[in-house]
Amino acid sequence: MGSMWRRFFRSRDMVANRMCPGAALPMVDSVAAPAAPPALALVDVEDRFHRLVFGLPDSTADESSAVELATLKRLELLSTRFDMRSLPRLPAVLPQLLRTLKNDNAAGGQLAKLVSRDPLMVGEVMRVTSSVYYRSAQPITSLQQAVVLLGQDGLRRVLTQHVMKPILQANAGTLSHAAGERLWDHAERCAHACAWLGRSNGCDAFEAYLAGIICHAGTGAVVRLLDSLMPATLPAPSAGFLAGCAQLAARLSLQAAQYWELPTHVIEALTECRNPLAASPLGRALACADLLAMAQLLGEHARLAPDIDLSHGWPDAYPPSLLARCQQDLRRQFPVDENT
């Protein structure tokens, strides 16, 4: 990606296929490779995801080097001073609108009145409802008519995809366009999987979708912190270093959600999102959805076998049959683009 990451992680040995020789997961063209233990596979999925997003080469090193450990310590220190006020603010009306959308009986007029208080939301609602997908026989002449046409599910999607997306991408700051788009691609897949899994254990559909959208919001902030360090050039980053950056990003994602005053269940899930055996139903759904979305995106970019089966990855969280159906649904909703 951009020059910033190259300063940090300039590879001394760029392999052509950008796959680690000792990787735990089968490569796309290694059909006969034996399946690895699920625990190793899941760790490898996360490592490959971050290398894909940031355009980093693979590394055979698992443990962080002394330089990487020192960099992580400096990152930790900088993160404690990270000013959340530097993050883009959510529209002031969004929290109230989210609460209203939890009521399935909310009237179109009530929702339209809330939407009308934010010009960005008004513009997006009117633009989406005038698209080919929503175009009706009669032209849309009022905001209330547009809100009714969208329905509550459609309005929720507009809020997440057309309001949250620019906010999250603005937070990415120094990320290249490709990396920002890949983070958003993951967010869409994670949100879809989280809502899908959440239906099986009573989660609110929109809270589950929102948790999936927001769960990597801190990744851009970590890159901004790294950019400020400007250490000496390092070789390809170890798996341990990337895992440390991911843990820090998860903590910053939680702080961002608190700053944005997102629903309580979403914040609770973000505190547990790296634990598939989390106490809360939404926390379990988010932890599993995050890895399923990573695998889906990696498959789309030929960095992982597109039909890899992760259904046995969390037997104590969800039945394998349910996870298999969730993976199948992700593949239907986000098919592999042959031109990717």
C-alpha atoms as a PDB file:
ATOM      1  CA  MET A   1       0.000   0.000   0.000  1.00  0.00           C
ATOM      2  CA  GLY A   2       1.245   3.554   0.628  1.00  0.00           C
ATOM      3  CA  SER A   3       4.710   4.668   1.580  1.00  0.00           C
ATOM      4  CA  MET A   4       3.975   4.651   5.313  1.00  0.00           C
ATOM      5  CA  TRP A   5       3.619   0.879   5.566  1.00  0.00           C
ATOM      6  CA  ARG A   6       6.622   0.383   3.308  1.00  0.00           C
ATOM      7  CA  ARG A   7       8.697   2.388   5.765  1.00  0.00           C
ATOM      8  CA  PHE A   8       7.683   0.007   8.526  1.00  0.00           C
ATOM      9  CA  PHE A   9       7.660  -3.336   6.811  1.00  0.00           C
ATOM     10  CA  ARG A  10       9.858  -3.391   3.723  1.00  0.00           C
ATOM     11  CA  SER A  11      10.297  -7.033   2.777  1.00  0.00           C
ATOM     12  CA  ARG A  12      13.696  -8.553   2.189  1.00  0.00           C
ATOM     13  CA  ASP A  13      12.152 -11.499   0.372  1.00  0.00           C
ATOM     14  CA  MET A  14       8.892 -10.841  -1.493  1.00  0.00           C
ATOM     15  CA  VAL A  15       7.522 -14.211  -2.549  1.00  0.00           C
ATOM     16  CA  ALA A  16       5.521 -14.233  -5.747  1.00  0.00           C
ATOM     17  CA  ASN A  17       2.358 -15.746  -4.363  1.00  0.00           C
ATOM     18  CA  ARG A  18       2.518 -13.801  -1.049  1.00  0.00           C
ATOM     19  CA  MET A  19       1.727 -16.958   0.911  1.00  0.00           C
ATOM     20  CA  CYS A  20       3.666 -18.208   3.886  1.00  0.00           C
ATOM     21  CA  PRO A  21       5.376 -21.575   3.169  1.00  0.00           C
ATOM     22  CA  GLY A  22       4.517 -22.888   6.604  1.00  0.00           C
ATOM     23  CA  ALA A  23       0.978 -21.541   6.750  1.00  0.00           C
ATOM     24  CA  ALA A  24      -1.603 -23.522   8.656  1.00  0.00           C
ATOM     25  CA  LEU A  25      -4.363 -23.136   6.095  1.00  0.00           C
ATOM     26  CA  PRO A  26      -4.478 -24.773   2.657  1.00  0.00           C
ATOM     27  CA  MET A  27      -3.557 -22.475  -0.188  1.00  0.00           C
ATOM     28  CA  VAL A  28      -5.844 -22.052  -3.154  1.00  0.00           C
ATOM     29  CA  ASP A  29      -3.755 -24.289  -5.366  1.00  0.00           C
ATOM     30  CA  SER A  30      -2.750 -26.864  -2.717  1.00  0.00           C
ATOM     31  CA  VAL A  31      -5.830 -29.036  -2.989  1.00  0.00           C
ATOM     32  CA  ALA A  32      -4.279 -32.086  -1.407  1.00  0.00           C
ATOM     33  CA  ALA A  33      -2.968 -30.312   1.678  1.00  0.00           C
ATOM     34  CA  PRO A  34      -4.260 -31.802   4.948  1.00  0.00           C
ATOM     35  CA  ALA A  35      -6.545 -29.738   7.133  1.00  0.00           C
ATOM     36  CA  ALA A  36      -4.824 -27.984  10.002  1.00  0.00           C
ATOM     37  CA  PRO A  37      -6.093 -27.871  13.584  1.00  0.00           C
ATOM     38  CA  PRO A  38      -8.859 -25.248  13.870  1.00  0.00           C
ATOM     39  CA  ALA A  39      -7.018 -23.175  16.488  1.00  0.00           C
ATOM     40  CA  LEU A  40      -4.018 -22.705  14.178  1.00  0.00           C
ATOM     41  CA  ALA A  41      -6.268 -22.056  11.202  1.00  0.00           C
ATOM     42  CA  LEU A  42      -8.166 -19.268  12.934  1.00  0.00           C
ATOM     43  CA  VAL A  43      -4.980 -17.527  14.008  1.00  0.00           C
ATOM     44  CA  ASP A  44      -3.686 -17.792  10.457  1.00  0.00           C
ATOM     45  CA  VAL A  45      -6.899 -16.309   9.026  1.00  0.00           C
ATOM     46  CA  GLU A  46      -6.488 -13.189  11.141  1.00  0.00           C
ATOM     47  CA  ASP A  47      -2.806 -12.840  10.229  1.00  0.00           C
ATOM     48  CA  ARG A  48      -3.516 -13.170   6.500  1.00  0.00           C
ATOM     49  CA  PHE A  49      -6.379 -10.691   6.765  1.00  0.00           C
ATOM     50  CA  HIS A  50      -4.141  -7.957   8.161  1.00  0.00           C
ATOM     51  CA  ARG A  51      -1.468  -8.646   5.568  1.00  0.00           C
ATOM     52  CA  LEU A  52      -4.089  -8.367   2.822  1.00  0.00           C
ATOM     53  CA  VAL A  53      -5.541  -5.120   4.168  1.00  0.00           C
ATOM     54  CA  PHE A  54      -2.194  -3.419   4.661  1.00  0.00           C
ATOM     55  CA  GLY A  55      -0.445  -4.882   1.622  1.00  0.00           C
ATOM     56  CA  LEU A  56       2.223  -6.567   3.737  1.00  0.00           C
ATOM     57  CA  PRO A  57       4.432  -9.511   2.760  1.00  0.00           C
ATOM     58  CA  ASP A  58       4.289 -12.807   4.615  1.00  0.00           C
ATOM     59  CA  SER A  59       6.741 -13.776   7.295  1.00  0.00           C
ATOM     60  CA  THR A  60       7.849 -17.098   8.737  1.00  0.00           C
ATOM     61  CA  ALA A  61       8.517 -15.430  12.103  1.00  0.00           C
ATOM     62  CA  ASP A  62       5.913 -16.053  14.793  1.00  0.00           C
ATOM     63  CA  GLU A  63       7.492 -14.196  17.708  1.00  0.00           C
ATOM     64  CA  SER A  64       7.968 -10.440  17.771  1.00  0.00           C
ATOM     65  CA  SER A  65      11.524  -9.199  17.401  1.00  0.00           C
ATOM     66  CA  ALA A  66      13.123  -6.853  19.918  1.00  0.00           C
ATOM     67  CA  VAL A  67      12.479  -3.913  17.600  1.00  0.00           C
ATOM     68  CA  GLU A  68       8.834  -4.953  17.170  1.00  0.00           C
ATOM     69  CA  LEU A  69       8.363  -5.330  20.937  1.00  0.00           C
ATOM     70  CA  ALA A  70       9.771  -1.857  21.449  1.00  0.00           C
ATOM     71  CA  THR A  71       7.431  -0.525  18.764  1.00  0.00           C
ATOM     72  CA  LEU A  72       4.446  -2.196  20.439  1.00  0.00           C
ATOM     73  CA  LYS A  73       5.373  -0.591  23.764  1.00  0.00           C
ATOM     74  CA  ARG A  74       5.515   2.808  22.123  1.00  0.00           C
ATOM     75  CA  LEU A  75       2.181   2.140  20.453  1.00  0.00           C
ATOM     76  CA  GLU A  76       0.642   1.270  23.812  1.00  0.00           C
ATOM     77  CA  LEU A  77       1.937   4.521  25.273  1.00  0.00           C
ATOM     78  CA  LEU A  78       0.668   6.572  22.351  1.00  0.00           C
ATOM     79  CA  SER A  79      -2.719   4.855  22.486  1.00  0.00           C
ATOM     80  CA  THR A  80      -3.236   5.963  26.089  1.00  0.00           C
ATOM     81  CA  ARG A  81      -2.857   9.542  24.854  1.00  0.00           C
ATOM     82  CA  PHE A  82      -4.993   9.077  21.745  1.00  0.00           C
ATOM     83  CA  ASP A  83      -7.519  11.883  21.586  1.00  0.00           C
ATOM     84  CA  MET A  84     -10.919  10.412  20.736  1.00  0.00           C
ATOM     85  CA  ARG A  85     -12.041  13.898  19.798  1.00  0.00           C
ATOM     86  CA  SER A  86      -9.883  13.527  16.685  1.00  0.00           C
ATOM     87  CA  LEU A  87     -12.347  10.915  15.432  1.00  0.00           C
ATOM     88  CA  PRO A  88     -15.171  12.088  13.175  1.00  0.00           C
ATOM     89  CA  ARG A  89     -18.392  12.662  15.114  1.00  0.00           C
ATOM     90  CA  LEU A  90     -21.526  10.744  14.309  1.00  0.00           C
ATOM     91  CA  PRO A  91     -24.553  12.812  13.285  1.00  0.00           C
ATOM     92  CA  ALA A  92     -26.111  14.128  16.514  1.00  0.00           C
ATOM     93  CA  VAL A  93     -29.482  12.631  15.651  1.00  0.00           C
ATOM     94  CA  LEU A  94     -28.131   9.110  15.036  1.00  0.00           C
ATOM     95  CA  PRO A  95     -28.388   7.728  18.613  1.00  0.00           C
ATOM     96  CA  GLN A  96     -32.037   8.817  18.876  1.00  0.00           C
ATOM     97  CA  LEU A  97     -32.773   7.405  15.449  1.00  0.00           C
ATOM     98  CA  LEU A  98     -31.184   4.083  16.413  1.00  0.00           C
ATOM     99  CA  ARG A  99     -33.364   3.884  19.519  1.00  0.00           C
ATOM    100  CA  THR A 100     -36.480   4.642  17.470  1.00  0.00           C
ATOM    101  CA  LEU A 101     -35.582   1.969  14.920  1.00  0.00           C
ATOM    102  CA  LYS A 102     -35.611  -0.655  17.673  1.00  0.00           C
ATOM    103  CA  ASN A 103     -39.383  -0.160  17.780  1.00  0.00           C
ATOM    104  CA  ASP A 104     -40.881  -2.146  14.912  1.00  0.00           C
ATOM    105  CA  ASN A 105     -44.045  -0.037  15.151  1.00  0.00           C
ATOM    106  CA  ALA A 106     -42.318   3.312  14.689  1.00  0.00           C
ATOM    107  CA  ALA A 107     -44.315   5.400  12.222  1.00  0.00           C
ATOM    108  CA  GLY A 108     -42.856   6.635   8.961  1.00  0.00           C
ATOM    109  CA  GLY A 109     -43.643  10.209   9.897  1.00  0.00           C
ATOM    110  CA  GLN A 110     -41.733   9.893  13.174  1.00  0.00           C
ATOM    111  CA  LEU A 111     -38.679   8.445  11.414  1.00  0.00           C
ATOM    112  CA  ALA A 112     -38.830  11.056   8.655  1.00  0.00           C
ATOM    113  CA  LYS A 113     -38.905  13.837  11.257  1.00  0.00           C
ATOM    114  CA  LEU A 114     -35.702  12.516  12.839  1.00  0.00           C
ATOM    115  CA  VAL A 115     -33.972  11.996   9.484  1.00  0.00           C
ATOM    116  CA  SER A 116     -34.900  15.530   8.412  1.00  0.00           C
ATOM    117  CA  ARG A 117     -32.700  16.955  11.184  1.00  0.00           C
ATOM    118  CA  ASP A 118     -29.533  15.852   9.363  1.00  0.00           C
ATOM    119  CA  PRO A 119     -28.908  17.027   5.770  1.00  0.00           C
ATOM    120  CA  LEU A 120     -26.506  14.125   5.061  1.00  0.00           C
ATOM    121  CA  MET A 121     -29.135  11.557   6.005  1.00  0.00           C
ATOM    122  CA  VAL A 122     -31.796  13.346   3.980  1.00  0.00           C
ATOM    123  CA  GLY A 123     -29.565  13.375   0.919  1.00  0.00           C
ATOM    124  CA  GLU A 124     -28.683   9.699   1.217  1.00  0.00           C
ATOM    125  CA  VAL A 125     -32.273   8.565   1.793  1.00  0.00           C
ATOM    126  CA  MET A 126     -33.509  10.493  -1.226  1.00  0.00           C
ATOM    127  CA  ARG A 127     -30.595   9.335  -3.390  1.00  0.00           C
ATOM    128  CA  VAL A 128     -31.039   5.646  -2.498  1.00  0.00           C
ATOM    129  CA  THR A 129     -34.804   5.657  -2.981  1.00  0.00           C
ATOM    130  CA  SER A 130     -34.409   7.216  -6.428  1.00  0.00           C
ATOM    131  CA  SER A 131     -32.040   4.414  -7.494  1.00  0.00           C
ATOM    132  CA  VAL A 132     -33.081   1.705  -9.927  1.00  0.00           C
ATOM    133  CA  TYR A 133     -33.482  -0.814  -7.094  1.00  0.00           C
ATOM    134  CA  TYR A 134     -36.082   1.249  -5.230  1.00  0.00           C
ATOM    135  CA  ARG A 135     -37.604   3.157  -8.130  1.00  0.00           C
ATOM    136  CA  SER A 136     -41.396   3.013  -7.932  1.00  0.00           C
ATOM    137  CA  ALA A 137     -44.147   3.744 -10.431  1.00  0.00           C
ATOM    138  CA  GLN A 138     -44.744   7.122  -8.817  1.00  0.00           C
ATOM    139  CA  PRO A 139     -41.914   9.631  -8.262  1.00  0.00           C
ATOM    140  CA  ILE A 140     -40.786  10.205  -4.661  1.00  0.00           C
ATOM    141  CA  THR A 141     -41.942  13.686  -3.679  1.00  0.00           C
ATOM    142  CA  SER A 142     -41.360  13.760   0.087  1.00  0.00           C
ATOM    143  CA  LEU A 143     -38.918  12.477   2.707  1.00  0.00           C
ATOM    144  CA  GLN A 144     -41.686  10.590   4.517  1.00  0.00           C
ATOM    145  CA  GLN A 145     -42.620   8.814   1.299  1.00  0.00           C
ATOM    146  CA  ALA A 146     -38.954   7.855   0.812  1.00  0.00           C
ATOM    147  CA  VAL A 147     -38.659   6.536   4.392  1.00  0.00           C
ATOM    148  CA  VAL A 148     -41.811   4.451   3.998  1.00  0.00           C
ATOM    149  CA  LEU A 149     -40.508   3.051   0.716  1.00  0.00           C
ATOM    150  CA  LEU A 150     -37.217   2.044   2.327  1.00  0.00           C
ATOM    151  CA  GLY A 151     -38.862   0.428   5.331  1.00  0.00           C
ATOM    152  CA  GLN A 152     -37.048   0.026   8.620  1.00  0.00           C
ATOM    153  CA  ASP A 153     -34.565  -2.538   7.310  1.00  0.00           C
ATOM    154  CA  GLY A 154     -33.732  -0.380   4.306  1.00  0.00           C
ATOM    155  CA  LEU A 155     -33.313   2.702   6.472  1.00  0.00           C
ATOM    156  CA  ARG A 156     -30.960   0.805   8.782  1.00  0.00           C
ATOM    157  CA  ARG A 157     -28.838  -0.173   5.806  1.00  0.00           C
ATOM    158  CA  VAL A 158     -28.733   3.405   4.565  1.00  0.00           C
ATOM    159  CA  LEU A 159     -27.590   4.598   7.984  1.00  0.00           C
ATOM    160  CA  THR A 160     -24.791   2.042   8.228  1.00  0.00           C
ATOM    161  CA  GLN A 161     -23.607   1.939   4.629  1.00  0.00           C
ATOM    162  CA  HIS A 162     -23.973   5.616   3.725  1.00  0.00           C
ATOM    163  CA  VAL A 163     -23.427   7.324   7.076  1.00  0.00           C
ATOM    164  CA  MET A 164     -20.985   5.007   8.870  1.00  0.00           C
ATOM    165  CA  LYS A 165     -18.826   4.250   5.825  1.00  0.00           C
ATOM    166  CA  PRO A 166     -17.476   7.784   5.278  1.00  0.00           C
ATOM    167  CA  ILE A 167     -16.970   8.170   9.026  1.00  0.00           C
ATOM    168  CA  LEU A 168     -14.956   4.959   9.292  1.00  0.00           C
ATOM    169  CA  GLN A 169     -12.929   5.747   6.196  1.00  0.00           C
ATOM    170  CA  ALA A 170     -12.171   9.235   7.476  1.00  0.00           C
ATOM    171  CA  ASN A 171     -10.856   7.602  10.668  1.00  0.00           C
ATOM    172  CA  ALA A 172      -8.446   5.543   8.539  1.00  0.00           C
ATOM    173  CA  GLY A 173      -6.519   8.719   7.826  1.00  0.00           C
ATOM    174  CA  THR A 174      -3.216   7.605   6.266  1.00  0.00           C
ATOM    175  CA  LEU A 175      -4.553   4.320   4.870  1.00  0.00           C
ATOM    176  CA  SER A 176      -4.379   3.944   1.124  1.00  0.00           C
ATOM    177  CA  HIS A 177      -7.600   3.813  -0.855  1.00  0.00           C
ATOM    178  CA  ALA A 178      -7.227   0.043  -1.380  1.00  0.00           C
ATOM    179  CA  ALA A 179      -6.743  -0.628   2.334  1.00  0.00           C
ATOM    180  CA  GLY A 180      -9.685   1.565   3.294  1.00  0.00           C
ATOM    181  CA  GLU A 181     -11.904  -0.221   0.795  1.00  0.00           C
ATOM    182  CA  ARG A 182     -10.827  -3.641   2.085  1.00  0.00           C
ATOM    183  CA  LEU A 183     -11.545  -2.659   5.667  1.00  0.00           C
ATOM    184  CA  TRP A 184     -14.998  -1.552   4.552  1.00  0.00           C
ATOM    185  CA  ASP A 185     -15.473  -4.760   2.551  1.00  0.00           C
ATOM    186  CA  HIS A 186     -14.745  -6.714   5.718  1.00  0.00           C
ATOM    187  CA  ALA A 187     -17.119  -4.514   7.714  1.00  0.00           C
ATOM    188  CA  GLU A 188     -20.005  -5.288   5.343  1.00  0.00           C
ATOM    189  CA  ARG A 189     -19.336  -9.033   5.467  1.00  0.00           C
ATOM    190  CA  CYS A 190     -18.872  -9.031   9.228  1.00  0.00           C
ATOM    191  CA  ALA A 191     -22.093  -7.081   9.742  1.00  0.00           C
ATOM    192  CA  HIS A 192     -24.003  -9.497   7.529  1.00  0.00           C
ATOM    193  CA  ALA A 193     -22.604 -12.574   9.305  1.00  0.00           C
ATOM    194  CA  CYS A 194     -23.127 -11.058  12.752  1.00  0.00           C
ATOM    195  CA  ALA A 195     -26.767 -10.290  12.035  1.00  0.00           C
ATOM    196  CA  TRP A 196     -27.206 -13.791  10.526  1.00  0.00           C
ATOM    197  CA  LEU A 197     -25.717 -15.534  13.576  1.00  0.00           C
ATOM    198  CA  GLY A 198     -27.419 -13.138  15.965  1.00  0.00           C
ATOM    199  CA  ARG A 199     -30.844 -14.266  14.788  1.00  0.00           C
ATOM    200  CA  SER A 200     -30.158 -17.717  16.254  1.00  0.00           C
ATOM    201  CA  ASN A 201     -29.638 -16.449  19.795  1.00  0.00           C
ATOM    202  CA  GLY A 202     -32.058 -13.553  20.098  1.00  0.00           C
ATOM    203  CA  CYS A 203     -29.831 -10.587  19.230  1.00  0.00           C
ATOM    204  CA  ASP A 204     -31.386  -7.395  17.954  1.00  0.00           C
ATOM    205  CA  ALA A 205     -30.796  -7.482  14.184  1.00  0.00           C
ATOM    206  CA  PHE A 206     -29.682  -3.889  13.828  1.00  0.00           C
ATOM    207  CA  GLU A 207     -27.432  -3.940  16.896  1.00  0.00           C
ATOM    208  CA  ALA A 208     -25.766  -7.059  15.480  1.00  0.00           C
ATOM    209  CA  TYR A 209     -25.319  -5.379  12.097  1.00  0.00           C
ATOM    210  CA  LEU A 210     -23.922  -2.229  13.697  1.00  0.00           C
ATOM    211  CA  ALA A 211     -21.477  -4.230  15.861  1.00  0.00           C
ATOM    212  CA  GLY A 212     -20.119  -5.919  12.743  1.00  0.00           C
ATOM    213  CA  ILE A 213     -19.717  -2.591  10.947  1.00  0.00           C
ATOM    214  CA  ILE A 214     -17.816  -0.963  13.802  1.00  0.00           C
ATOM    215  CA  CYS A 215     -15.615  -3.779  15.093  1.00  0.00           C
ATOM    216  CA  HIS A 216     -12.468  -2.735  13.180  1.00  0.00           C
ATOM    217  CA  ALA A 217     -12.911   1.020  13.555  1.00  0.00           C
ATOM    218  CA  GLY A 218      -9.717   1.157  15.613  1.00  0.00           C
ATOM    219  CA  THR A 219      -7.522  -0.309  12.889  1.00  0.00           C
ATOM    220  CA  GLY A 220      -7.207   2.993  11.084  1.00  0.00           C
ATOM    221  CA  ALA A 221      -6.274   4.683  14.342  1.00  0.00           C
ATOM    222  CA  VAL A 222      -3.478   2.145  14.913  1.00  0.00           C
ATOM    223  CA  VAL A 223      -2.060   2.932  11.480  1.00  0.00           C
ATOM    224  CA  ARG A 224      -2.147   6.634  12.299  1.00  0.00           C
ATOM    225  CA  LEU A 225      -0.234   5.914  15.518  1.00  0.00           C
ATOM    226  CA  LEU A 226       2.317   3.813  13.643  1.00  0.00           C
ATOM    227  CA  ASP A 227       2.780   6.616  11.162  1.00  0.00           C
ATOM    228  CA  SER A 228       3.729   8.958  13.969  1.00  0.00           C
ATOM    229  CA  LEU A 229       6.482   6.646  15.235  1.00  0.00           C
ATOM    230  CA  MET A 230       8.559   6.491  12.031  1.00  0.00           C
ATOM    231  CA  PRO A 231      11.048   3.872  13.280  1.00  0.00           C
ATOM    232  CA  ALA A 232      13.872   2.396  11.248  1.00  0.00           C
ATOM    233  CA  THR A 233      12.875   0.106   8.390  1.00  0.00           C
ATOM    234  CA  LEU A 234      11.833  -3.338   9.591  1.00  0.00           C
ATOM    235  CA  PRO A 235      11.678  -6.642   7.751  1.00  0.00           C
ATOM    236  CA  ALA A 236       8.322  -8.282   7.068  1.00  0.00           C
ATOM    237  CA  PRO A 237       6.345  -8.067  10.334  1.00  0.00           C
ATOM    238  CA  SER A 238       6.024 -11.173  12.482  1.00  0.00           C
ATOM    239  CA  ALA A 239       2.701 -12.783  13.299  1.00  0.00           C
ATOM    240  CA  GLY A 240       3.198 -11.765  16.928  1.00  0.00           C
ATOM    241  CA  PHE A 241       3.618  -8.106  16.035  1.00  0.00           C
ATOM    242  CA  LEU A 242       0.469  -8.051  13.895  1.00  0.00           C
ATOM    243  CA  ALA A 243      -1.456  -9.819  16.682  1.00  0.00           C
ATOM    244  CA  GLY A 244      -0.326  -7.128  19.114  1.00  0.00           C
ATOM    245  CA  CYS A 245      -1.477  -4.403  16.722  1.00  0.00           C
ATOM    246  CA  ALA A 246      -4.836  -6.189  16.365  1.00  0.00           C
ATOM    247  CA  GLN A 247      -5.331  -6.258  20.139  1.00  0.00           C
ATOM    248  CA  LEU A 248      -4.613  -2.562  20.351  1.00  0.00           C
ATOM    249  CA  ALA A 249      -6.996  -1.869  17.454  1.00  0.00           C
ATOM    250  CA  ALA A 250      -9.761  -3.805  19.232  1.00  0.00           C
ATOM    251  CA  ARG A 251      -9.333  -1.650  22.325  1.00  0.00           C
ATOM    252  CA  LEU A 252      -9.471   1.545  20.278  1.00  0.00           C
ATOM    253  CA  SER A 253     -12.578   0.265  18.470  1.00  0.00           C
ATOM    254  CA  LEU A 254     -14.261  -0.108  21.853  1.00  0.00           C
ATOM    255  CA  GLN A 255     -13.244   3.405  22.891  1.00  0.00           C
ATOM    256  CA  ALA A 256     -14.552   4.781  19.585  1.00  0.00           C
ATOM    257  CA  ALA A 257     -17.913   3.049  20.120  1.00  0.00           C
ATOM    258  CA  GLN A 258     -18.129   4.551  23.605  1.00  0.00           C
ATOM    259  CA  TYR A 259     -17.226   7.973  22.242  1.00  0.00           C
ATOM    260  CA  TRP A 260     -19.915   7.617  19.572  1.00  0.00           C
ATOM    261  CA  GLU A 261     -22.473   6.558  22.242  1.00  0.00           C
ATOM    262  CA  LEU A 262     -23.487   3.398  20.431  1.00  0.00           C
ATOM    263  CA  PRO A 263     -26.072   1.056  22.016  1.00  0.00           C
ATOM    264  CA  THR A 264     -25.085  -0.695  25.259  1.00  0.00           C
ATOM    265  CA  HIS A 265     -25.255  -4.188  23.744  1.00  0.00           C
ATOM    266  CA  VAL A 266     -22.896  -3.143  20.931  1.00  0.00           C
ATOM    267  CA  ILE A 267     -20.345  -1.765  23.395  1.00  0.00           C
ATOM    268  CA  GLU A 268     -20.634  -4.911  25.515  1.00  0.00           C
ATOM    269  CA  ALA A 269     -20.034  -7.095  22.449  1.00  0.00           C
ATOM    270  CA  LEU A 270     -16.933  -5.097  21.508  1.00  0.00           C
ATOM    271  CA  THR A 271     -15.437  -5.794  24.957  1.00  0.00           C
ATOM    272  CA  GLU A 272     -15.786  -9.511  24.203  1.00  0.00           C
ATOM    273  CA  CYS A 273     -15.281  -9.583  20.443  1.00  0.00           C
ATOM    274  CA  ARG A 274     -12.041 -11.568  20.521  1.00  0.00           C
ATOM    275  CA  ASN A 275     -13.614 -14.360  22.572  1.00  0.00           C
ATOM    276  CA  PRO A 276     -16.020 -16.783  20.804  1.00  0.00           C
ATOM    277  CA  LEU A 277     -17.142 -18.021  24.239  1.00  0.00           C
ATOM    278  CA  ALA A 278     -18.169 -14.534  25.316  1.00  0.00           C
ATOM    279  CA  ALA A 279     -20.873 -14.193  27.920  1.00  0.00           C
ATOM    280  CA  SER A 280     -23.211 -12.085  25.821  1.00  0.00           C
ATOM    281  CA  PRO A 281     -25.040 -13.502  22.775  1.00  0.00           C
ATOM    282  CA  LEU A 282     -23.960 -10.549  20.629  1.00  0.00           C
ATOM    283  CA  GLY A 283     -20.348 -10.924  21.758  1.00  0.00           C
ATOM    284  CA  ARG A 284     -20.337 -14.561  20.609  1.00  0.00           C
ATOM    285  CA  ALA A 285     -21.944 -13.670  17.292  1.00  0.00           C
ATOM    286  CA  LEU A 286     -19.444 -10.869  16.659  1.00  0.00           C
ATOM    287  CA  ALA A 287     -16.370 -12.961  17.541  1.00  0.00           C
ATOM    288  CA  CYS A 288     -17.363 -15.704  15.089  1.00  0.00           C
ATOM    289  CA  ALA A 289     -18.619 -13.330  12.395  1.00  0.00           C
ATOM    290  CA  ASP A 290     -15.347 -11.406  12.421  1.00  0.00           C
ATOM    291  CA  LEU A 291     -13.299 -14.490  11.468  1.00  0.00           C
ATOM    292  CA  LEU A 292     -15.880 -15.779   8.976  1.00  0.00           C
ATOM    293  CA  ALA A 293     -15.838 -12.382   7.247  1.00  0.00           C
ATOM    294  CA  MET A 294     -12.034 -12.400   7.158  1.00  0.00           C
ATOM    295  CA  ALA A 295     -12.027 -15.846   5.531  1.00  0.00           C
ATOM    296  CA  GLN A 296     -14.662 -14.748   3.016  1.00  0.00           C
ATOM    297  CA  LEU A 297     -12.659 -11.675   2.000  1.00  0.00           C
ATOM    298  CA  LEU A 298      -9.431 -13.671   1.753  1.00  0.00           C
ATOM    299  CA  GLY A 299     -11.170 -16.173  -0.503  1.00  0.00           C
ATOM    300  CA  GLU A 300     -12.413 -13.380  -2.748  1.00  0.00           C
ATOM    301  CA  HIS A 301      -8.832 -12.129  -3.148  1.00  0.00           C
ATOM    302  CA  ALA A 302      -7.365 -15.606  -3.757  1.00  0.00           C
ATOM    303  CA  ARG A 303      -5.436 -15.499  -0.484  1.00  0.00           C
ATOM    304  CA  LEU A 304      -7.301 -18.491   0.893  1.00  0.00           C
ATOM    305  CA  ALA A 305      -9.258 -21.390  -0.554  1.00  0.00           C
ATOM    306  CA  PRO A 306     -12.718 -19.864  -1.227  1.00  0.00           C
ATOM    307  CA  ASP A 307     -14.486 -23.026  -0.018  1.00  0.00           C
ATOM    308  CA  ILE A 308     -12.546 -23.449   3.221  1.00  0.00           C
ATOM    309  CA  ASP A 309     -14.728 -24.862   5.991  1.00  0.00           C
ATOM    310  CA  LEU A 310     -14.513 -23.076   9.356  1.00  0.00           C
ATOM    311  CA  SER A 311     -17.734 -24.544  10.691  1.00  0.00           C
ATOM    312  CA  HIS A 312     -15.930 -26.566  13.369  1.00  0.00           C
ATOM    313  CA  GLY A 313     -13.932 -23.603  14.622  1.00  0.00           C
ATOM    314  CA  TRP A 314     -16.212 -22.760  17.560  1.00  0.00           C
ATOM    315  CA  PRO A 315     -18.092 -25.949  18.586  1.00  0.00           C
ATOM    316  CA  ASP A 316     -18.855 -24.545  22.038  1.00  0.00           C
ATOM    317  CA  ALA A 317     -20.287 -21.326  20.630  1.00  0.00           C
ATOM    318  CA  TYR A 318     -22.393 -22.474  17.661  1.00  0.00           C
ATOM    319  CA  PRO A 319     -23.281 -25.841  16.111  1.00  0.00           C
ATOM    320  CA  PRO A 320     -21.066 -26.585  13.082  1.00  0.00           C
ATOM    321  CA  SER A 321     -24.163 -26.929  10.901  1.00  0.00           C
ATOM    322  CA  LEU A 322     -25.230 -23.367  11.736  1.00  0.00           C
ATOM    323  CA  LEU A 323     -21.783 -21.949  11.015  1.00  0.00           C
ATOM    324  CA  ALA A 324     -21.657 -23.878   7.725  1.00  0.00           C
ATOM    325  CA  ARG A 325     -24.950 -22.305   6.666  1.00  0.00           C
ATOM    326  CA  CYS A 326     -23.632 -18.873   7.644  1.00  0.00           C
ATOM    327  CA  GLN A 327     -20.549 -19.386   5.454  1.00  0.00           C
ATOM    328  CA  GLN A 328     -22.761 -20.507   2.583  1.00  0.00           C
ATOM    329  CA  ASP A 329     -24.906 -17.401   2.999  1.00  0.00           C
ATOM    330  CA  LEU A 330     -21.824 -15.170   2.926  1.00  0.00           C
ATOM    331  CA  ARG A 331     -20.726 -16.786  -0.334  1.00  0.00           C
ATOM    332  CA  ARG A 332     -24.144 -16.167  -1.858  1.00  0.00           C
ATOM    333  CA  GLN A 333     -24.260 -12.564  -0.743  1.00  0.00           C
ATOM    334  CA  PHE A 334     -20.632 -11.784  -1.625  1.00  0.00           C
ATOM    335  CA  PRO A 335     -19.628 -14.033  -4.526  1.00  0.00           C
ATOM    336  CA  VAL A 336     -16.042 -14.240  -5.710  1.00  0.00           C
ATOM    337  CA  ASP A 337     -15.311 -11.775  -8.500  1.00  0.00           C
ATOM    338  CA  GLU A 338     -13.293 -13.524 -11.191  1.00  0.00           C
ATOM    339  CA  ASN A 339     -11.578 -10.217 -11.973  1.00  0.00           C
ATOM    340  CA  THR A 340     -10.414  -9.559  -8.413  1.00  0.00           C
END
